[in-house]
Amino acid sequence: MDPDHFNHRQARLSTGWTYHYVDEKPANNGGQTVTLLCIHGFPDLWYGWRHQIKPWVQRGYRVVVPDMLGYGKTDMPTETSAYSTKNLCNDLAALLDHIEVTKAVVIGHDWGAFIGARFALWHPDRLLSLAILSVPYTPPKTQYISLEQIVKLFRPFGYQLYLASEESAAEIEAHLPALFYSLYRTPDARINAMLQVGRLREVLLNTPITNITEGCLFNEKEITYYLSNYERGMIGPLSYYRTTQIRFEEELAASLPSKPRITVPVIFIGGTDDKICPPNTIESQRALIDKITVVTFQGKGHWLMLEAPETITNEILFWLKGLGMAPGNHQQFRL
């Protein structure tokens, strides 16, 4: 799918950063439609939503998909604090301001799911509804838990210790194709082992690239496109993993732990074979979200938009229709 066949835009936002984003509008909408704001994760781009954008537009939605801060053609600040979820959510609110959208349906995957759920806490008046893929909602904490402590509690997050480390940026930059070949694959024993502490670094530094290309979800053109968008380096994308304490302090200062409920309608979609998506966390969301739909797909892993593109597209369309948010039924919402 040719990246050039999308409507690319750039804007300097009121928060000070310049964001690149794709903005696709349906034909003959008269300026009124429901906007879907899609947020990608790591290591991704706006292009991660390529299979969903056009079908959603064809059904009458406006679809806006930014390269998140530090990614693609969006600014890449060097200060870690710029990547806190509070600041990222402020950027997204500023993007909605720029495109003159009051409220949107927010759809996030991976880090995008975490950010989307936090957007519902930091800017609850800017959402119509929320779709989160692969990463369940977890509420703000009242006590600080370091990434090291989190990994002790849930070992499949071990890979995050490497991504948060000081040495990871230079090492990944030197082995960038291996990062995409290693991570973008359907669930198997190889990727499950790679999640453990120390294993991702070992694979990137010591495994011949020819040993990990088979089974990748990207074709050669897609790999080339991703590599071209990571030429500036990894400081931005990796900074997300270095904000654990910053996020905690910002949320505590704003008293977010005292109001952890999400009040807009939510759908969570996950794969049963995604090892970084624990079933108990999926279920615990129900007590924190007023109206939640939970959908899990048997045998699917982490990269749902690639493993089951049509299914994800249609599942969200069906959910939105059930909420009365299909184009033509949106008059009750302030857009």
Protein backbone atom coordinates (compact mmCIF):
# COMPACT_ATOMS: atom_id res chain seq x y z
CA MET A 1 0.00 0.00 0.00
CA ASP A 2 1.62 3.20 -1.23
CA PRO A 3 2.16 5.73 1.60
CA ASP A 4 1.94 8.54 -0.97
CA HIS A 5 -1.69 7.67 -1.69
CA PHE A 6 -2.77 9.33 1.56
CA ASN A 7 -3.43 12.97 2.36
CA HIS A 8 -0.36 14.13 4.32
CA ARG A 9 -0.33 17.30 6.41
CA GLN A 10 2.03 19.08 8.81
CA ALA A 11 1.14 21.62 11.46
CA ARG A 12 2.89 23.52 14.21
CA LEU A 13 0.65 23.00 17.22
CA SER A 14 -0.07 25.39 20.08
CA THR A 15 2.10 23.15 22.29
CA GLY A 16 5.11 24.18 20.19
CA TRP A 17 5.80 20.97 18.27
CA THR A 18 5.33 20.32 14.57
CA TYR A 19 3.34 17.18 13.89
CA HIS A 20 3.00 15.23 10.67
CA TYR A 21 -0.37 13.58 10.25
CA VAL A 22 -2.60 11.97 7.65
CA ASP A 23 -6.04 13.53 7.32
CA GLU A 24 -8.51 11.67 5.15
CA LYS A 25 -12.04 13.03 4.72
CA PRO A 26 -15.03 11.32 3.16
CA ALA A 27 -16.45 12.70 -0.07
CA ASN A 28 -19.57 14.87 0.09
CA ASN A 29 -19.76 15.07 3.88
CA GLY A 30 -20.74 18.72 3.90
CA GLY A 31 -18.14 19.38 6.60
CA GLN A 32 -20.01 17.24 9.17
CA THR A 33 -18.87 13.78 10.13
CA VAL A 34 -17.45 11.77 13.00
CA THR A 35 -13.66 12.04 13.33
CA LEU A 36 -11.54 9.03 14.24
CA LEU A 37 -8.19 9.97 15.83
CA CYS A 38 -5.83 6.98 15.56
CA ILE A 39 -2.72 6.68 17.74
CA HIS A 40 0.11 4.26 16.98
CA GLY A 41 2.57 2.57 19.33
CA PHE A 42 6.17 1.28 19.27
CA PRO A 43 7.95 0.83 16.93
CA ASP A 44 5.35 2.14 14.53
CA LEU A 45 4.17 5.13 12.47
CA TRP A 46 0.90 6.53 11.17
CA TYR A 47 1.37 3.80 8.54
CA GLY A 48 0.43 1.15 11.11
CA TRP A 49 -3.21 2.08 10.43
CA ARG A 50 -2.86 1.84 6.63
CA HIS A 51 -5.34 -1.05 6.27
CA GLN A 52 -8.03 0.71 8.28
CA ILE A 53 -7.86 4.34 7.07
CA LYS A 54 -9.44 4.05 3.61
CA PRO A 55 -12.21 1.59 4.60
CA TRP A 56 -13.25 3.82 7.50
CA VAL A 57 -13.26 6.89 5.24
CA GLN A 58 -15.36 5.01 2.70
CA ARG A 59 -17.92 4.44 5.46
CA GLY A 60 -18.18 8.18 6.01
CA TYR A 61 -15.67 8.87 8.80
CA ARG A 62 -12.92 11.45 8.84
CA VAL A 63 -9.70 9.66 9.85
CA VAL A 64 -6.78 11.59 11.35
CA VAL A 65 -3.56 9.68 12.07
CA PRO A 66 -0.46 11.47 13.39
CA ASP A 67 3.11 10.33 13.56
CA MET A 68 3.43 10.58 17.32
CA LEU A 69 6.11 12.79 18.89
CA GLY A 70 9.58 11.48 18.07
CA TYR A 71 8.36 9.38 15.14
CA GLY A 72 8.40 9.73 11.37
CA LYS A 73 8.16 13.32 10.22
CA THR A 74 6.98 14.73 13.55
CA ASP A 75 9.38 16.68 15.77
CA MET A 76 11.78 14.67 17.94
CA PRO A 77 12.72 16.59 21.10
CA THR A 78 15.60 15.28 23.19
CA GLU A 79 14.04 16.00 26.61
CA THR A 80 12.44 12.87 28.03
CA SER A 81 9.72 14.91 29.76
CA ALA A 82 8.25 15.88 26.37
CA TYR A 83 7.12 12.27 26.01
CA SER A 84 5.09 12.04 29.21
CA THR A 85 1.50 11.04 28.55
CA LYS A 86 0.29 14.37 29.93
CA ASN A 87 2.32 16.24 27.33
CA LEU A 88 1.43 13.84 24.54
CA CYS A 89 -2.25 14.17 25.40
CA ASN A 90 -1.90 17.94 25.33
CA ASP A 91 -0.38 17.59 21.85
CA LEU A 92 -3.33 15.50 20.69
CA ALA A 93 -5.80 18.02 22.09
CA ALA A 94 -3.88 20.74 20.26
CA LEU A 95 -4.06 18.71 17.05
CA LEU A 96 -7.84 18.47 17.43
CA ASP A 97 -7.91 22.23 17.97
CA HIS A 98 -5.87 22.75 14.81
CA ILE A 99 -8.22 20.67 12.66
CA GLU A 100 -11.22 22.29 14.38
CA VAL A 101 -12.65 19.11 15.87
CA THR A 102 -14.23 19.44 19.30
CA LYS A 103 -14.63 15.72 20.04
CA ALA A 104 -13.32 12.58 18.37
CA VAL A 105 -13.45 8.84 18.63
CA VAL A 106 -9.95 7.97 19.88
CA ILE A 107 -8.47 4.66 18.70
CA GLY A 108 -5.09 3.51 20.00
CA HIS A 109 -2.80 0.51 19.69
CA ASP A 110 0.09 -0.48 21.98
CA TRP A 111 1.49 2.79 23.43
CA GLY A 112 -1.32 4.44 21.51
CA ALA A 113 -3.83 2.50 23.62
CA PHE A 114 -2.14 3.62 26.83
CA ILE A 115 -2.03 7.22 25.62
CA GLY A 116 -5.63 7.07 24.38
CA ALA A 117 -6.85 5.87 27.78
CA ARG A 118 -4.88 8.62 29.51
CA PHE A 119 -6.36 11.12 27.04
CA ALA A 120 -9.75 10.11 28.44
CA LEU A 121 -8.48 11.18 31.89
CA TRP A 122 -6.55 14.32 30.95
CA HIS A 123 -9.07 15.57 28.36
CA PRO A 124 -12.38 13.76 29.02
CA ASP A 125 -14.34 16.48 27.22
CA ARG A 126 -12.58 15.76 23.90
CA LEU A 127 -13.73 12.16 23.38
CA LEU A 128 -16.89 10.65 21.97
CA SER A 129 -15.67 7.12 22.67
CA LEU A 130 -12.44 5.15 23.01
CA ALA A 131 -11.07 2.03 21.33
CA ILE A 132 -7.93 0.46 22.82
CA LEU A 133 -6.08 -2.39 21.14
CA SER A 134 -3.64 -4.84 22.73
CA VAL A 135 -2.90 -2.81 25.89
CA PRO A 136 -5.68 -2.82 28.53
CA TYR A 137 -6.48 0.24 30.61
CA THR A 138 -4.62 0.45 33.91
CA PRO A 139 -5.49 3.29 36.30
CA PRO A 140 -3.10 5.89 37.71
CA LYS A 141 -1.19 4.67 40.76
CA THR A 142 -1.21 6.16 44.25
CA GLN A 143 2.32 4.85 44.90
CA TYR A 144 5.29 4.83 42.56
CA ILE A 145 6.18 1.47 41.01
CA SER A 146 9.43 1.46 39.04
CA LEU A 147 9.79 -0.32 35.72
CA GLU A 148 12.11 -2.80 37.45
CA GLN A 149 9.37 -3.61 39.96
CA ILE A 150 6.80 -3.94 37.18
CA VAL A 151 9.01 -6.46 35.38
CA LYS A 152 9.36 -8.51 38.56
CA LEU A 153 5.58 -8.66 38.77
CA PHE A 154 5.08 -9.40 35.06
CA ARG A 155 8.08 -10.98 33.37
CA PRO A 156 6.93 -10.55 29.72
CA PHE A 157 7.59 -6.81 30.18
CA GLY A 158 11.29 -7.63 30.54
CA TYR A 159 12.09 -6.27 27.08
CA GLN A 160 11.07 -2.80 28.29
CA LEU A 161 14.09 -2.65 30.60
CA TYR A 162 16.35 -2.79 27.56
CA LEU A 163 14.33 -0.19 25.66
CA ALA A 164 14.49 2.15 28.66
CA SER A 165 18.25 1.69 29.11
CA GLU A 166 20.84 4.26 28.06
CA GLU A 167 22.67 1.93 25.68
CA SER A 168 19.62 0.81 23.71
CA ALA A 169 19.40 3.78 21.31
CA ALA A 170 22.85 3.39 19.72
CA GLU A 171 22.62 -0.40 19.63
CA ILE A 172 19.17 -0.44 18.00
CA GLU A 173 20.18 2.24 15.51
CA ALA A 174 23.07 0.01 14.45
CA HIS A 175 20.72 -2.98 14.00
CA LEU A 176 17.49 -1.28 12.93
CA PRO A 177 16.26 -3.83 10.35
CA ALA A 178 16.61 -6.56 12.98
CA LEU A 179 14.28 -4.63 15.31
CA PHE A 180 11.41 -4.71 12.80
CA TYR A 181 12.05 -8.27 11.65
CA SER A 182 12.20 -9.43 15.27
CA LEU A 183 9.09 -7.69 16.62
CA TYR A 184 6.66 -7.61 13.70
CA ARG A 185 5.68 -11.24 13.55
CA THR A 186 2.78 -13.48 14.37
CA PRO A 187 2.88 -15.05 17.86
CA ASP A 188 5.38 -17.87 18.19
CA ALA A 189 7.89 -19.24 20.68
CA ARG A 190 10.62 -17.00 19.29
CA ILE A 191 8.85 -13.71 19.97
CA ASN A 192 7.58 -14.92 23.36
CA ALA A 193 11.16 -15.70 24.45
CA MET A 194 12.31 -12.31 23.17
CA LEU A 195 10.09 -10.56 25.73
CA GLN A 196 12.17 -11.79 28.64
CA VAL A 197 14.91 -9.71 30.28
CA GLY A 198 18.02 -9.48 28.09
CA ARG A 199 16.71 -11.52 25.18
CA LEU A 200 15.76 -8.70 22.79
CA ARG A 201 19.23 -7.19 23.04
CA GLU A 202 20.81 -10.59 22.47
CA VAL A 203 18.75 -11.16 19.32
CA LEU A 204 19.44 -7.70 17.89
CA LEU A 205 23.18 -7.83 18.48
CA ASN A 206 23.96 -11.48 17.83
CA THR A 207 21.43 -13.01 15.44
CA PRO A 208 22.18 -12.93 11.68
CA ILE A 209 19.44 -10.98 9.89
CA THR A 210 18.81 -13.93 7.55
CA ASN A 211 17.69 -15.98 10.56
CA ILE A 212 14.83 -13.65 11.51
CA THR A 213 13.31 -12.42 8.23
CA GLU A 214 10.99 -15.40 7.77
CA GLY A 215 7.60 -14.87 9.35
CA CYS A 216 7.80 -11.07 9.43
CA LEU A 217 4.46 -9.31 8.92
CA PHE A 218 6.10 -6.68 6.68
CA ASN A 219 6.98 -7.08 3.05
CA GLU A 220 10.21 -5.62 1.65
CA LYS A 221 8.63 -2.29 0.61
CA GLU A 222 7.07 -1.82 4.03
CA ILE A 223 10.36 -2.51 5.80
CA THR A 224 12.05 0.04 3.53
CA TYR A 225 9.42 2.65 4.35
CA TYR A 226 9.77 2.11 8.08
CA LEU A 227 13.56 2.29 7.93
CA SER A 228 13.40 5.56 5.97
CA ASN A 229 11.22 7.05 8.72
CA TYR A 230 13.62 6.05 11.49
CA GLU A 231 16.73 7.66 9.97
CA ARG A 232 16.80 10.36 12.66
CA GLY A 233 17.44 7.74 15.33
CA MET A 234 15.67 6.11 18.26
CA ILE A 235 15.88 8.73 21.01
CA GLY A 236 12.27 9.81 20.50
CA PRO A 237 10.56 6.41 20.32
CA LEU A 238 12.62 5.00 23.22
CA SER A 239 11.90 8.01 25.43
CA TYR A 240 8.36 6.74 25.96
CA TYR A 241 9.82 3.88 28.02
CA ARG A 242 11.81 6.32 30.17
CA THR A 243 8.87 8.30 31.52
CA THR A 244 7.60 5.96 34.25
CA GLN A 245 8.44 8.26 37.15
CA ILE A 246 7.56 11.45 35.26
CA ARG A 247 4.13 10.05 34.43
CA PHE A 248 3.53 9.02 38.03
CA GLU A 249 4.47 12.44 39.39
CA GLU A 250 2.33 14.31 36.86
CA GLU A 251 -0.70 12.13 37.52
CA LEU A 252 -0.32 12.34 41.27
CA ALA A 253 0.02 16.13 41.14
CA ALA A 254 -3.22 16.33 39.13
CA SER A 255 -5.02 13.92 41.51
CA LEU A 256 -5.75 11.52 38.65
CA PRO A 257 -5.54 8.48 40.97
CA SER A 258 -8.61 9.81 42.80
CA LYS A 259 -10.70 9.83 39.60
CA PRO A 260 -9.60 6.81 37.57
CA ARG A 261 -12.92 6.01 35.92
CA ILE A 262 -13.40 6.35 32.18
CA THR A 263 -16.93 7.49 31.48
CA VAL A 264 -17.10 7.39 27.66
CA PRO A 265 -17.96 4.10 25.90
CA VAL A 266 -14.88 1.89 25.44
CA ILE A 267 -14.06 -1.16 23.37
CA PHE A 268 -10.99 -3.23 24.19
CA ILE A 269 -9.69 -5.60 21.49
CA GLY A 270 -6.92 -8.11 22.16
CA GLY A 271 -5.41 -11.32 20.87
CA THR A 272 -5.40 -14.43 23.03
CA ASP A 273 -1.78 -15.18 22.03
CA ASP A 274 -0.45 -11.71 22.89
CA LYS A 275 1.85 -12.43 25.85
CA ILE A 276 2.08 -8.79 26.92
CA CYS A 277 -1.71 -8.61 27.32
CA PRO A 278 -2.52 -10.50 30.56
CA PRO A 279 -6.11 -11.83 30.88
CA ASN A 280 -6.46 -10.59 34.48
CA THR A 281 -5.71 -7.02 33.37
CA ILE A 282 -8.26 -7.32 30.58
CA GLU A 283 -10.92 -8.33 33.11
CA SER A 284 -9.94 -5.73 35.70
CA GLN A 285 -10.87 -2.96 33.24
CA ARG A 286 -14.54 -3.74 33.76
CA ALA A 287 -14.52 -2.21 37.24
CA LEU A 288 -12.94 1.03 35.96
CA ILE A 289 -14.94 1.79 32.82
CA ASP A 290 -18.64 2.65 32.89
CA LYS A 291 -19.48 1.08 29.54
CA ILE A 292 -16.99 -1.41 28.10
CA THR A 293 -17.07 -3.99 25.34
CA VAL A 294 -14.31 -6.63 25.43
CA VAL A 295 -13.41 -8.57 22.28
CA THR A 296 -10.62 -11.14 22.05
CA PHE A 297 -9.50 -12.96 18.93
CA GLN A 298 -8.31 -16.53 19.24
CA GLY A 299 -4.79 -17.20 18.02
CA LYS A 300 -3.97 -13.57 17.33
CA GLY A 301 -0.98 -11.74 18.78
CA HIS A 302 -0.01 -8.15 19.34
CA TRP A 303 -0.17 -6.68 15.82
CA LEU A 304 -3.92 -6.90 15.33
CA MET A 305 -4.17 -4.32 12.53
CA LEU A 306 -1.78 -6.46 10.46
CA GLU A 307 -2.79 -9.96 11.59
CA ALA A 308 -6.52 -9.36 11.15
CA PRO A 309 -6.91 -6.08 9.22
CA GLU A 310 -10.46 -6.56 7.92
CA THR A 311 -11.65 -7.98 11.23
CA ILE A 312 -10.35 -4.99 13.18
CA THR A 313 -11.79 -2.56 10.64
CA ASN A 314 -15.23 -4.15 10.80
CA GLU A 315 -15.27 -4.74 14.56
CA ILE A 316 -14.79 -1.04 15.25
CA LEU A 317 -17.37 -0.10 12.60
CA PHE A 318 -19.89 -2.46 14.21
CA TRP A 319 -19.17 -1.05 17.68
CA LEU A 320 -19.52 2.54 16.51
CA LYS A 321 -22.80 1.74 14.77
CA GLY A 322 -24.09 0.23 18.01
CA LEU A 323 -23.24 3.47 19.81
CA GLY A 324 -25.16 5.52 17.25
CA MET A 325 -21.89 7.02 16.00
CA ALA A 326 -22.17 5.91 12.42
CA PRO A 327 -22.12 8.83 9.96
CA GLY A 328 -25.66 10.07 9.56
CA ASN A 329 -26.51 9.33 13.19
CA HIS A 330 -24.14 11.83 14.80
CA GLN A 331 -26.44 14.78 15.29
CA GLN A 332 -26.70 14.02 19.02
CA PHE A 333 -22.95 14.55 19.45
CA ARG A 334 -21.12 17.85 19.57
CA LEU A 335 -18.46 17.45 16.89
